[in-house]
PDB file of N, CA and C in Angstrom:
ATOM      1  N   UNK A   1     -25.345  -9.415  20.135  1.00  0.00           N
ATOM      2  CA  UNK A   1     -25.930  -8.193  19.597  1.00  0.00           C
ATOM      3  C   UNK A   1     -24.911  -7.536  18.679  1.00  0.00           C
ATOM      4  N   UNK A   2     -25.262  -7.212  17.455  1.00  0.00           N
ATOM      5  CA  UNK A   2     -24.297  -6.605  16.531  1.00  0.00           C
ATOM      6  C   UNK A   2     -23.886  -5.211  16.982  1.00  0.00           C
ATOM      7  N   UNK A   3     -22.656  -4.877  16.682  1.00  0.00           N
ATOM      8  CA  UNK A   3     -22.111  -3.557  17.022  1.00  0.00           C
ATOM      9  C   UNK A   3     -22.609  -2.549  15.994  1.00  0.00           C
ATOM     10  N   UNK A   4     -23.256  -1.480  16.452  1.00  0.00           N
ATOM     11  CA  UNK A   4     -23.847  -0.486  15.552  1.00  0.00           C
ATOM     12  C   UNK A   4     -22.797   0.345  14.824  1.00  0.00           C
ATOM     13  N   UNK A   5     -21.531   0.285  15.260  1.00  0.00           N
ATOM     14  CA  UNK A   5     -20.481   1.075  14.605  1.00  0.00           C
ATOM     15  C   UNK A   5     -20.151   0.551  13.220  1.00  0.00           C
ATOM     16  N   UNK A   6     -20.425  -0.718  12.985  1.00  0.00           N
ATOM     17  CA  UNK A   6     -20.093  -1.320  11.697  1.00  0.00           C
ATOM     18  C   UNK A   6     -21.317  -1.314  10.797  1.00  0.00           C
ATOM     19  N   UNK A   7     -21.173  -0.712   9.624  1.00  0.00           N
ATOM     20  CA  UNK A   7     -22.277  -0.710   8.668  1.00  0.00           C
ATOM     21  C   UNK A   7     -22.346  -2.037   7.926  1.00  0.00           C
ATOM     22  N   UNK A   8     -21.220  -2.710   7.803  1.00  0.00           N
ATOM     23  CA  UNK A   8     -21.175  -4.005   7.134  1.00  0.00           C
ATOM     24  C   UNK A   8     -20.571  -5.015   8.087  1.00  0.00           C
ATOM     25  N   UNK A   9     -20.689  -6.253   7.745  1.00  0.00           N
ATOM     26  CA  UNK A   9     -20.140  -7.322   8.563  1.00  0.00           C
ATOM     27  C   UNK A   9     -18.618  -7.264   8.518  1.00  0.00           C
ATOM     28  N   UNK A  10     -17.947  -7.086   9.670  1.00  0.00           N
ATOM     29  CA  UNK A  10     -16.480  -6.988   9.657  1.00  0.00           C
ATOM     30  C   UNK A  10     -15.803  -8.292   9.255  1.00  0.00           C
ATOM     31  N   UNK A  11     -16.528  -9.408   9.327  1.00  0.00           N
ATOM     32  CA  UNK A  11     -15.949 -10.699   8.952  1.00  0.00           C
ATOM     33  C   UNK A  11     -16.150 -11.023   7.479  1.00  0.00           C
ATOM     34  N   UNK A  12     -16.881 -10.173   6.774  1.00  0.00           N
ATOM     35  CA  UNK A  12     -17.109 -10.399   5.345  1.00  0.00           C
ATOM     36  C   UNK A  12     -15.812 -10.166   4.575  1.00  0.00           C
ATOM     37  N   UNK A  13     -15.597 -10.905   3.497  1.00  0.00           N
ATOM     38  CA  UNK A  13     -14.371 -10.686   2.721  1.00  0.00           C
ATOM     39  C   UNK A  13     -14.331  -9.279   2.131  1.00  0.00           C
ATOM     40  N   UNK A  14     -13.157  -8.701   2.122  1.00  0.00           N
ATOM     41  CA  UNK A  14     -12.982  -7.344   1.593  1.00  0.00           C
ATOM     42  C   UNK A  14     -13.135  -7.355   0.079  1.00  0.00           C
ATOM     43  N   UNK A  15     -13.674  -6.264  -0.460  1.00  0.00           N
ATOM     44  CA  UNK A  15     -13.764  -6.127  -1.908  1.00  0.00           C
ATOM     45  C   UNK A  15     -12.404  -5.652  -2.402  1.00  0.00           C
ATOM     46  N   UNK A  16     -11.822  -6.414  -3.300  1.00  0.00           N
ATOM     47  CA  UNK A  16     -10.480  -6.120  -3.789  1.00  0.00           C
ATOM     48  C   UNK A  16     -10.507  -5.796  -5.274  1.00  0.00           C
ATOM     49  N   UNK A  17      -9.611  -4.898  -5.667  1.00  0.00           N
ATOM     50  CA  UNK A  17      -9.425  -4.550  -7.079  1.00  0.00           C
ATOM     51  C   UNK A  17      -7.921  -4.550  -7.353  1.00  0.00           C
ATOM     52  N   UNK A  18      -7.508  -4.804  -8.591  1.00  0.00           N
ATOM     53  CA  UNK A  18      -6.078  -4.761  -8.901  1.00  0.00           C
ATOM     54  C   UNK A  18      -5.514  -3.353  -8.701  1.00  0.00           C
ATOM     55  N   UNK A  19      -4.347  -3.279  -8.088  1.00  0.00           N
ATOM     56  CA  UNK A  19      -3.663  -1.997  -7.906  1.00  0.00           C
ATOM     57  C   UNK A  19      -2.938  -1.643  -9.198  1.00  0.00           C
ATOM     58  N   UNK A  20      -2.886  -0.354  -9.502  1.00  0.00           N
ATOM     59  CA  UNK A  20      -2.158   0.085 -10.696  1.00  0.00           C
ATOM     60  C   UNK A  20      -0.658   0.005 -10.420  1.00  0.00           C
ATOM     61  N   UNK A  21       0.133   0.021 -11.476  1.00  0.00           N
ATOM     62  CA  UNK A  21       1.592  -0.018 -11.319  1.00  0.00           C
ATOM     63  C   UNK A  21       2.076   1.174 -10.497  1.00  0.00           C
ATOM     64  N   UNK A  22       1.476   2.336 -10.715  1.00  0.00           N
ATOM     65  CA  UNK A  22       1.862   3.537  -9.968  1.00  0.00           C
ATOM     66  C   UNK A  22       1.577   3.366  -8.476  1.00  0.00           C
ATOM     67  N   UNK A  23       0.432   2.776  -8.124  1.00  0.00           N
ATOM     68  CA  UNK A  23       0.093   2.553  -6.720  1.00  0.00           C
ATOM     69  C   UNK A  23       1.071   1.588  -6.063  1.00  0.00           C
ATOM     70  N   UNK A  24       1.473   0.556  -6.793  1.00  0.00           N
ATOM     71  CA  UNK A  24       2.428  -0.412  -6.253  1.00  0.00           C
ATOM     72  C   UNK A  24       3.774   0.262  -6.011  1.00  0.00           C
ATOM     73  N   UNK A  25       4.245   1.055  -6.969  1.00  0.00           N
ATOM     74  CA  UNK A  25       5.523   1.757  -6.817  1.00  0.00           C
ATOM     75  C   UNK A  25       5.466   2.701  -5.624  1.00  0.00           C
ATOM     76  N   UNK A  26       4.381   3.461  -5.490  1.00  0.00           N
ATOM     77  CA  UNK A  26       4.261   4.405  -4.378  1.00  0.00           C
ATOM     78  C   UNK A  26       4.248   3.684  -3.034  1.00  0.00           C
ATOM     79  N   UNK A  27       3.527   2.567  -2.943  1.00  0.00           N
ATOM     80  CA  UNK A  27       3.463   1.816  -1.690  1.00  0.00           C
ATOM     81  C   UNK A  27       4.821   1.226  -1.330  1.00  0.00           C
ATOM     82  N   UNK A  28       5.522   0.670  -2.319  1.00  0.00           N
ATOM     83  CA  UNK A  28       6.848   0.110  -2.054  1.00  0.00           C
ATOM     84  C   UNK A  28       7.838   1.195  -1.645  1.00  0.00           C
ATOM     85  N   UNK A  29       7.814   2.329  -2.332  1.00  0.00           N
ATOM     86  CA  UNK A  29       8.728   3.424  -1.999  1.00  0.00           C
ATOM     87  C   UNK A  29       8.464   3.933  -0.589  1.00  0.00           C
ATOM     88  N   UNK A  30       7.201   4.042  -0.213  1.00  0.00           N
ATOM     89  CA  UNK A  30       6.866   4.487   1.143  1.00  0.00           C
ATOM     90  C   UNK A  30       7.375   3.475   2.165  1.00  0.00           C
ATOM     91  N   UNK A  31       7.138   2.199   1.896  1.00  0.00           N
ATOM     92  CA  UNK A  31       7.594   1.155   2.810  1.00  0.00           C
ATOM     93  C   UNK A  31       9.104   1.114   2.961  1.00  0.00           C
ATOM     94  N   UNK A  32       9.827   1.460   1.916  1.00  0.00           N
ATOM     95  CA  UNK A  32      11.287   1.484   1.984  1.00  0.00           C
ATOM     96  C   UNK A  32      11.817   2.755   2.637  1.00  0.00           C
ATOM     97  N   UNK A  33      11.033   3.822   2.644  1.00  0.00           N
ATOM     98  CA  UNK A  33      11.490   5.113   3.161  1.00  0.00           C
ATOM     99  C   UNK A  33      11.111   5.369   4.612  1.00  0.00           C
ATOM    100  N   UNK A  34      10.044   4.730   5.088  1.00  0.00           N
ATOM    101  CA  UNK A  34       9.522   5.038   6.422  1.00  0.00           C
ATOM    102  C   UNK A  34       9.338   3.767   7.233  1.00  0.00           C
ATOM    103  N   UNK A  35       9.429   3.907   8.574  1.00  0.00           N
ATOM    104  CA  UNK A  35       9.222   2.753   9.440  1.00  0.00           C
ATOM    105  C   UNK A  35       7.732   2.557   9.707  1.00  0.00           C
ATOM    106  N   UNK A  36       7.412   1.594  10.580  1.00  0.00           N
ATOM    107  CA  UNK A  36       6.011   1.263  10.837  1.00  0.00           C
ATOM    108  C   UNK A  36       5.231   2.380  11.520  1.00  0.00           C
ATOM    109  N   UNK A  37       5.921   3.358  12.073  1.00  0.00           N
ATOM    110  CA  UNK A  37       5.256   4.495  12.724  1.00  0.00           C
ATOM    111  C   UNK A  37       5.202   5.727  11.829  1.00  0.00           C
ATOM    112  N   UNK A  38       5.679   5.611  10.609  1.00  0.00           N
ATOM    113  CA  UNK A  38       5.646   6.733   9.678  1.00  0.00           C
ATOM    114  C   UNK A  38       6.824   7.673   9.801  1.00  0.00           C
ATOM    115  N   UNK A  39       7.827   7.274  10.577  1.00  0.00           N
ATOM    116  CA  UNK A  39       9.028   8.105  10.708  1.00  0.00           C
ATOM    117  C   UNK A  39      10.042   7.698   9.649  1.00  0.00           C
ATOM    118  N   UNK A  40      10.784   8.668   9.118  1.00  0.00           N
ATOM    119  CA  UNK A  40      11.782   8.328   8.093  1.00  0.00           C
ATOM    120  C   UNK A  40      12.818   7.346   8.635  1.00  0.00           C
ATOM    121  N   UNK A  41      13.165   6.367   7.822  1.00  0.00           N
ATOM    122  CA  UNK A  41      14.236   5.444   8.197  1.00  0.00           C
ATOM    123  C   UNK A  41      15.553   6.195   8.228  1.00  0.00           C
ATOM    124  N   UNK A  42      16.374   5.851   9.170  1.00  0.00           N
ATOM    125  CA  UNK A  42      17.681   6.502   9.263  1.00  0.00           C
ATOM    126  C   UNK A  42      18.635   5.794   8.300  1.00  0.00           C
ATOM    127  N   UNK A  43      19.028   6.510   7.295  1.00  0.00           N
ATOM    128  CA  UNK A  43      19.961   5.941   6.323  1.00  0.00           C
ATOM    129  C   UNK A  43      20.721   7.074   5.661  1.00  0.00           C
ATOM    130  N   UNK A  44      21.511   6.739   4.698  1.00  0.00           N
ATOM    131  CA  UNK A  44      22.362   7.720   4.021  1.00  0.00           C
ATOM    132  C   UNK A  44      21.528   8.753   3.269  1.00  0.00           C
ATOM    133  N   UNK A  45      22.165   9.848   2.941  1.00  0.00           N
ATOM    134  CA  UNK A  45      21.519  10.898   2.165  1.00  0.00           C
ATOM    135  C   UNK A  45      21.060  10.333   0.823  1.00  0.00           C
ATOM    136  N   UNK A  46      19.929  10.795   0.354  1.00  0.00           N
ATOM    137  CA  UNK A  46      19.397  10.326  -0.919  1.00  0.00           C
ATOM    138  C   UNK A  46      18.518   9.109  -0.790  1.00  0.00           C
ATOM    139  N   UNK A  47      18.045   8.836   0.413  1.00  0.00           N
ATOM    140  CA  UNK A  47      17.244   7.623   0.633  1.00  0.00           C
ATOM    141  C   UNK A  47      15.969   7.617  -0.202  1.00  0.00           C
ATOM    142  N   UNK A  48      15.370   8.812  -0.424  1.00  0.00           N
ATOM    143  CA  UNK A  48      14.136   8.858  -1.214  1.00  0.00           C
ATOM    144  C   UNK A  48      14.387   8.435  -2.658  1.00  0.00           C
ATOM    145  N   UNK A  49      15.501   8.869  -3.219  1.00  0.00           N
ATOM    146  CA  UNK A  49      15.848   8.488  -4.585  1.00  0.00           C
ATOM    147  C   UNK A  49      16.112   6.988  -4.670  1.00  0.00           C
ATOM    148  N   UNK A  50      16.870   6.475  -3.720  1.00  0.00           N
ATOM    149  CA  UNK A  50      17.181   5.043  -3.711  1.00  0.00           C
ATOM    150  C   UNK A  50      15.905   4.225  -3.524  1.00  0.00           C
ATOM    151  N   UNK A  51      15.028   4.667  -2.616  1.00  0.00           N
ATOM    152  CA  UNK A  51      13.772   3.949  -2.383  1.00  0.00           C
ATOM    153  C   UNK A  51      12.901   3.963  -3.635  1.00  0.00           C
ATOM    154  N   UNK A  52      12.838   5.099  -4.324  1.00  0.00           N
ATOM    155  CA  UNK A  52      12.030   5.194  -5.544  1.00  0.00           C
ATOM    156  C   UNK A  52      12.578   4.278  -6.635  1.00  0.00           C
ATOM    157  N   UNK A  53      13.896   4.260  -6.798  1.00  0.00           N
ATOM    158  CA  UNK A  53      14.505   3.391  -7.813  1.00  0.00           C
ATOM    159  C   UNK A  53      14.276   1.920  -7.484  1.00  0.00           C
ATOM    160  N   UNK A  54      14.452   1.558  -6.214  1.00  0.00           N
ATOM    161  CA  UNK A  54      14.239   0.170  -5.801  1.00  0.00           C
ATOM    162  C   UNK A  54      12.776  -0.223  -5.982  1.00  0.00           C
ATOM    163  N   UNK A  55      11.866   0.685  -5.650  1.00  0.00           N
ATOM    164  CA  UNK A  55      10.438   0.401  -5.788  1.00  0.00           C
ATOM    165  C   UNK A  55      10.068   0.178  -7.250  1.00  0.00           C
ATOM    166  N   UNK A  56      10.587   1.006  -8.141  1.00  0.00           N
ATOM    167  CA  UNK A  56      10.312   0.829  -9.569  1.00  0.00           C
ATOM    168  C   UNK A  56      10.850  -0.507 -10.070  1.00  0.00           C
ATOM    169  N   UNK A  57      12.046  -0.872  -9.620  1.00  0.00           N
ATOM    170  CA  UNK A  57      12.646  -2.147 -10.018  1.00  0.00           C
ATOM    171  C   UNK A  57      11.791  -3.318  -9.520  1.00  0.00           C
ATOM    172  N   UNK A  58      11.392  -3.269  -8.248  1.00  0.00           N
ATOM    173  CA  UNK A  58      10.588  -4.353  -7.683  1.00  0.00           C
ATOM    174  C   UNK A  58       9.222  -4.462  -8.363  1.00  0.00           C
ATOM    175  N   UNK A  59       8.572  -3.328  -8.601  1.00  0.00           N
ATOM    176  CA  UNK A  59       7.264  -3.344  -9.259  1.00  0.00           C
ATOM    177  C   UNK A  59       7.382  -3.894 -10.680  1.00  0.00           C
ATOM    178  N   UNK A  60       8.441  -3.527 -11.380  1.00  0.00           N
ATOM    179  CA  UNK A  60       8.663  -4.057 -12.724  1.00  0.00           C
ATOM    180  C   UNK A  60       8.865  -5.558 -12.712  1.00  0.00           C
ATOM    181  N   UNK A  61       9.624  -6.048 -11.734  1.00  0.00           N
ATOM    182  CA  UNK A  61       9.844  -7.483 -11.625  1.00  0.00           C
ATOM    183  C   UNK A  61       8.527  -8.207 -11.340  1.00  0.00           C
ATOM    184  N   UNK A  62       7.740  -7.674 -10.406  1.00  0.00           N
ATOM    185  CA  UNK A  62       6.461  -8.303 -10.081  1.00  0.00           C
ATOM    186  C   UNK A  62       5.554  -8.379 -11.308  1.00  0.00           C
ATOM    187  N   UNK A  63       5.535  -7.318 -12.094  1.00  0.00           N
ATOM    188  CA  UNK A  63       4.704  -7.297 -13.302  1.00  0.00           C
ATOM    189  C   UNK A  63       5.191  -8.327 -14.320  1.00  0.00           C
ATOM    190  N   UNK A  64       6.512  -8.380 -14.547  1.00  0.00           N
ATOM    191  CA  UNK A  64       7.065  -9.340 -15.514  1.00  0.00           C
ATOM    192  C   UNK A  64       6.861 -10.778 -15.056  1.00  0.00           C
ATOM    193  N   UNK A  65       6.853 -11.002 -13.742  1.00  0.00           N
ATOM    194  CA  UNK A  65       6.690 -12.351 -13.208  1.00  0.00           C
ATOM    195  C   UNK A  65       5.223 -12.781 -13.163  1.00  0.00           C
ATOM    196  N   UNK A  66       4.314 -11.866 -13.509  1.00  0.00           N
ATOM    197  CA  UNK A  66       2.907 -12.229 -13.576  1.00  0.00           C
ATOM    198  C   UNK A  66       2.131 -12.043 -12.286  1.00  0.00           C
ATOM    199  N   UNK A  67       2.704 -11.359 -11.315  1.00  0.00           N
ATOM    200  CA  UNK A  67       1.990 -11.126 -10.066  1.00  0.00           C
ATOM    201  C   UNK A  67       0.930 -10.048 -10.257  1.00  0.00           C
ATOM    202  N   UNK A  68      -0.169 -10.190  -9.546  1.00  0.00           N
ATOM    203  CA  UNK A  68      -1.215  -9.173  -9.518  1.00  0.00           C
ATOM    204  C   UNK A  68      -1.362  -8.745  -8.064  1.00  0.00           C
ATOM    205  N   UNK A  69      -1.109  -7.478  -7.791  1.00  0.00           N
ATOM    206  CA  UNK A  69      -1.232  -6.942  -6.438  1.00  0.00           C
ATOM    207  C   UNK A  69      -2.625  -6.357  -6.305  1.00  0.00           C
ATOM    208  N   UNK A  70      -3.325  -6.760  -5.251  1.00  0.00           N
ATOM    209  CA  UNK A  70      -4.695  -6.301  -5.032  1.00  0.00           C
ATOM    210  C   UNK A  70      -4.723  -5.292  -3.886  1.00  0.00           C
ATOM    211  N   UNK A  71      -5.716  -4.398  -3.946  1.00  0.00           N
ATOM    212  CA  UNK A  71      -5.919  -3.440  -2.865  1.00  0.00           C
ATOM    213  C   UNK A  71      -7.402  -3.384  -2.556  1.00  0.00           C
ATOM    214  N   UNK A  72      -7.711  -2.906  -1.357  1.00  0.00           N
ATOM    215  CA  UNK A  72      -9.112  -2.762  -0.972  1.00  0.00           C
ATOM    216  C   UNK A  72      -9.747  -1.601  -1.715  1.00  0.00           C
ATOM    217  N   UNK A  73     -11.033  -1.713  -1.962  1.00  0.00           N
ATOM    218  CA  UNK A  73     -11.788  -0.606  -2.534  1.00  0.00           C
ATOM    219  C   UNK A  73     -11.865   0.474  -1.461  1.00  0.00           C
ATOM    220  N   UNK A  74     -11.574   1.735  -1.805  1.00  0.00           N
ATOM    221  CA  UNK A  74     -11.635   2.787  -0.789  1.00  0.00           C
ATOM    222  C   UNK A  74     -13.021   2.851  -0.153  1.00  0.00           C
ATOM    223  N   UNK A  75     -13.030   2.993   1.167  1.00  0.00           N
ATOM    224  CA  UNK A  75     -14.292   3.077   1.889  1.00  0.00           C
ATOM    225  C   UNK A  75     -14.844   4.484   1.890  1.00  0.00           C
ATOM    226  N   UNK A  76     -15.941   4.647   2.589  1.00  0.00           N
ATOM    227  CA  UNK A  76     -16.539   5.963   2.704  1.00  0.00           C
ATOM    228  C   UNK A  76     -15.652   6.844   3.570  1.00  0.00           C
ATOM    229  N   UNK A  77     -15.608   8.149   3.304  1.00  0.00           N
ATOM    230  CA  UNK A  77     -14.788   9.042   4.116  1.00  0.00           C
ATOM    231  C   UNK A  77     -15.263   9.062   5.560  1.00  0.00           C
ATOM    232  N   UNK A  78     -14.327   9.275   6.448  1.00  0.00           N
ATOM    233  CA  UNK A  78     -14.620   9.333   7.879  1.00  0.00           C
ATOM    234  C   UNK A  78     -15.432  10.581   8.194  1.00  0.00           C
ATOM    235  N   UNK A  79     -16.436  10.428   9.016  1.00  0.00           N
ATOM    236  CA  UNK A  79     -17.207  11.593   9.458  1.00  0.00           C
ATOM    237  C   UNK A  79     -16.966  11.789  10.939  1.00  0.00           C
ATOM    238  N   UNK A  80     -16.636  12.990  11.311  1.00  0.00           N
ATOM    239  CA  UNK A  80     -16.335  13.267  12.720  1.00  0.00           C
ATOM    240  C   UNK A  80     -17.545  13.817  13.433  1.00  0.00           C
TER     241      UNK A  80
END
């Protein structure tokens, strides 16, 4: 019996679109600045600046190397 909580088939492939360069930089900077629980990584002062610079460098390299980063299409907002 299908689960009524899912409006679409959860096993269906996700709809993907190319991420913009800005989205890639923001995602990389966040990943470099915070751990898997969303807490700031413990490192030296200025970690946000270093993470932003590293993210820009990595995103630039990915673009020059011909990589295309995909992201899911945003879903419908959550209703409580």
